[in-house]
Protein backbone atom coordinates (compact mmCIF):
# COMPACT_ATOMS: atom_id res chain seq x y z
CA MET A 1 2.50 0.79 -30.80
CA HIS A 2 -0.39 2.71 -32.35
CA PRO A 3 0.87 5.22 -35.00
CA ALA A 4 -0.78 8.19 -33.24
CA LEU A 5 0.93 7.23 -29.97
CA SER A 6 4.21 6.83 -31.82
CA ASP A 7 3.90 10.46 -32.94
CA ALA A 8 2.95 11.46 -29.40
CA VAL A 9 6.22 10.20 -27.90
CA ARG A 10 8.44 11.56 -30.68
CA PRO A 11 9.69 14.49 -28.50
CA LEU A 12 11.57 11.98 -26.32
CA LEU A 13 15.17 11.81 -27.49
CA GLY A 14 17.26 8.68 -27.44
CA SER A 15 17.18 5.23 -28.96
CA SER A 16 18.33 3.09 -26.03
CA SER A 17 16.29 0.16 -24.81
CA LEU A 18 15.44 2.16 -21.66
CA MET A 19 13.98 5.02 -23.73
CA GLY A 20 12.04 2.44 -25.71
CA HIS A 21 10.68 1.16 -22.41
CA VAL A 22 9.65 4.69 -21.38
CA ARG A 23 7.86 5.15 -24.73
CA SER A 24 6.05 1.82 -24.21
CA LEU A 25 5.02 2.83 -20.70
CA ILE A 26 3.58 6.11 -21.99
CA ALA A 27 1.69 4.29 -24.75
CA ASN A 28 0.32 1.70 -22.28
CA LEU A 29 -0.44 4.03 -19.38
CA GLY A 30 -1.82 6.98 -21.35
CA PRO A 31 -5.23 5.41 -22.01
CA VAL A 32 -5.81 4.11 -18.45
CA PRO A 33 -8.43 6.04 -16.43
CA TRP A 34 -6.27 6.28 -13.29
CA PRO A 35 -3.81 8.97 -12.19
CA VAL A 36 -0.14 8.28 -12.91
CA ARG A 37 2.65 9.67 -10.74
CA VAL A 38 5.91 10.54 -12.49
CA GLU A 39 9.01 10.76 -10.29
CA GLY A 40 12.64 11.58 -10.96
CA PRO A 41 15.42 14.04 -10.28
CA THR A 42 15.32 17.67 -11.41
CA GLY A 43 15.90 17.97 -15.13
CA SER A 44 15.04 14.36 -15.96
CA GLY A 45 12.01 15.23 -18.11
CA LYS A 46 9.17 14.47 -15.71
CA THR A 47 6.98 17.28 -17.02
CA MET A 48 7.53 16.19 -20.62
CA VAL A 49 6.60 12.60 -19.76
CA ALA A 50 3.53 13.82 -17.84
CA ARG A 51 2.47 15.96 -20.80
CA LEU A 52 2.93 13.02 -23.19
CA LEU A 53 0.86 10.83 -20.85
CA HIS A 54 -1.82 13.50 -20.83
CA ASN A 55 -1.76 13.78 -24.62
CA ALA A 56 -2.17 9.99 -24.92
CA SER A 57 -5.09 9.96 -22.47
CA ARG A 58 -8.83 10.35 -22.80
CA ARG A 59 -8.39 13.75 -21.12
CA ALA A 60 -6.17 15.13 -23.90
CA ALA A 61 -8.83 17.64 -24.98
CA GLY A 62 -8.76 19.20 -21.51
CA PRO A 63 -6.04 21.34 -19.95
CA PHE A 64 -2.70 19.91 -18.82
CA VAL A 65 -1.83 21.02 -15.28
CA ALA A 66 1.63 20.21 -13.91
CA CYS A 67 1.95 19.93 -10.12
CA ALA A 68 5.21 20.04 -8.22
CA MET A 69 5.32 17.94 -5.08
CA THR A 70 7.77 18.78 -2.36
């Protein structure tokens, strides 16, 4: 993982293999030019993951806008 991306996913707590997988997904999906949909139950950290994806993307200089889908 690129050192800058490693710093970008530091806010995610946990050292399990599943959290490592989430960190890898963020590092791999952040730079892609397509939208990414993050799903999960309330309180699971979707907004944090979306913000980290945004920060790892080419759009990081622009605003981050969270949308709630019902």
